[in-house]
Amino acid sequence: MRVLLIEDDPMIGEAISSALKDASYATDWVRDGRRALLAQESHAYDLLLLDLGLPGRDG
């Protein structure tokens, strides 16, 4: 399963990304809304974990 994590807080993002990878999920982590849109255009994701308050473009 491929997961896109969209989280701007470094501590939260690192913890979630690490836990997902430890659970054998293919995880991409981006830190703002614009990069999230670009990632979605270039990859197919099974799951998005989206923070609501993001820089650039709100979740």
C-alpha atoms as a PDB file:
ATOM      1  CA  MET A   1       0.000   0.000   0.000  1.00  0.00           C
ATOM      2  CA  ARG A   2       1.337   3.431  -0.947  1.00  0.00           C
ATOM      3  CA  VAL A   3       0.640   6.317   1.464  1.00  0.00           C
ATOM      4  CA  LEU A   4       1.026  10.061   1.016  1.00  0.00           C
ATOM      5  CA  LEU A   5       1.580  11.849   4.311  1.00  0.00           C
ATOM      6  CA  ILE A   6       0.914  15.584   4.145  1.00  0.00           C
ATOM      7  CA  GLU A   7       2.159  17.159   7.388  1.00  0.00           C
ATOM      8  CA  ASP A   8       4.139  20.366   7.982  1.00  0.00           C
ATOM      9  CA  ASP A   9       5.188  19.721  11.601  1.00  0.00           C
ATOM     10  CA  PRO A  10       8.600  17.986  11.494  1.00  0.00           C
ATOM     11  CA  MET A  11       8.167  16.047  14.744  1.00  0.00           C
ATOM     12  CA  ILE A  12       4.712  14.729  13.849  1.00  0.00           C
ATOM     13  CA  GLY A  13       5.674  13.999  10.251  1.00  0.00           C
ATOM     14  CA  GLU A  14       8.815  12.116  11.239  1.00  0.00           C
ATOM     15  CA  ALA A  15       6.964  10.018  13.819  1.00  0.00           C
ATOM     16  CA  ILE A  16       4.113   9.082  11.483  1.00  0.00           C
ATOM     17  CA  SER A  17       6.384   8.467   8.505  1.00  0.00           C
ATOM     18  CA  SER A  18       8.682   6.268  10.564  1.00  0.00           C
ATOM     19  CA  ALA A  19       5.779   4.263  12.013  1.00  0.00           C
ATOM     20  CA  LEU A  20       4.276   3.712   8.561  1.00  0.00           C
ATOM     21  CA  LYS A  21       7.597   2.570   7.123  1.00  0.00           C
ATOM     22  CA  ASP A  22       8.137   0.240  10.089  1.00  0.00           C
ATOM     23  CA  ALA A  23       4.728  -1.265   9.283  1.00  0.00           C
ATOM     24  CA  SER A  24       5.936  -1.878   5.680  1.00  0.00           C
ATOM     25  CA  TYR A  25       3.948   0.894   4.001  1.00  0.00           C
ATOM     26  CA  ALA A  26       5.528   2.718   1.072  1.00  0.00           C
ATOM     27  CA  THR A  27       5.351   6.281   2.398  1.00  0.00           C
ATOM     28  CA  ASP A  28       5.980   9.644   0.768  1.00  0.00           C
ATOM     29  CA  TRP A  29       6.006  12.674   3.072  1.00  0.00           C
ATOM     30  CA  VAL A  30       5.421  16.218   1.836  1.00  0.00           C
ATOM     31  CA  ARG A  31       5.220  19.357   3.957  1.00  0.00           C
ATOM     32  CA  ASP A  32       2.837  21.673   2.097  1.00  0.00           C
ATOM     33  CA  GLY A  33      -0.326  21.629   0.027  1.00  0.00           C
ATOM     34  CA  ARG A  34       1.303  22.522  -3.285  1.00  0.00           C
ATOM     35  CA  ARG A  35       3.763  19.631  -3.084  1.00  0.00           C
ATOM     36  CA  ALA A  36       0.897  17.339  -2.117  1.00  0.00           C
ATOM     37  CA  LEU A  37      -0.909  18.212  -5.344  1.00  0.00           C
ATOM     38  CA  LEU A  38       2.249  17.594  -7.375  1.00  0.00           C
ATOM     39  CA  ALA A  39       2.802  14.232  -5.664  1.00  0.00           C
ATOM     40  CA  GLN A  40      -0.765  13.156  -6.407  1.00  0.00           C
ATOM     41  CA  GLU A  41      -0.311  14.010 -10.073  1.00  0.00           C
ATOM     42  CA  SER A  42       2.820  11.893 -10.401  1.00  0.00           C
ATOM     43  CA  HIS A  43       1.920   8.842  -8.250  1.00  0.00           C
ATOM     44  CA  ALA A  44      -1.129   6.740  -7.442  1.00  0.00           C
ATOM     45  CA  TYR A  45      -1.764   6.587  -3.693  1.00  0.00           C
ATOM     46  CA  ASP A  46      -3.980   4.193  -1.783  1.00  0.00           C
ATOM     47  CA  LEU A  47      -4.255   6.491   1.243  1.00  0.00           C
ATOM     48  CA  LEU A  48      -3.735  10.186   2.026  1.00  0.00           C
ATOM     49  CA  LEU A  49      -3.095  11.376   5.568  1.00  0.00           C
ATOM     50  CA  LEU A  50      -3.812  15.090   5.407  1.00  0.00           C
ATOM     51  CA  ASP A  51      -3.102  17.871   7.899  1.00  0.00           C
ATOM     52  CA  LEU A  52      -5.693  20.632   7.661  1.00  0.00           C
ATOM     53  CA  GLY A  53      -3.511  23.682   8.417  1.00  0.00           C
ATOM     54  CA  LEU A  54      -0.766  23.662   5.780  1.00  0.00           C
ATOM     55  CA  PRO A  55       1.485  26.324   4.283  1.00  0.00           C
ATOM     56  CA  GLY A  56       1.068  27.145   0.604  1.00  0.00           C
ATOM     57  CA  ARG A  57      -2.344  25.567   0.191  1.00  0.00           C
ATOM     58  CA  ASP A  58      -4.533  24.581   3.096  1.00  0.00           C
ATOM     59  CA  GLY A  59      -5.601  20.958   3.624  1.00  0.00           C
END
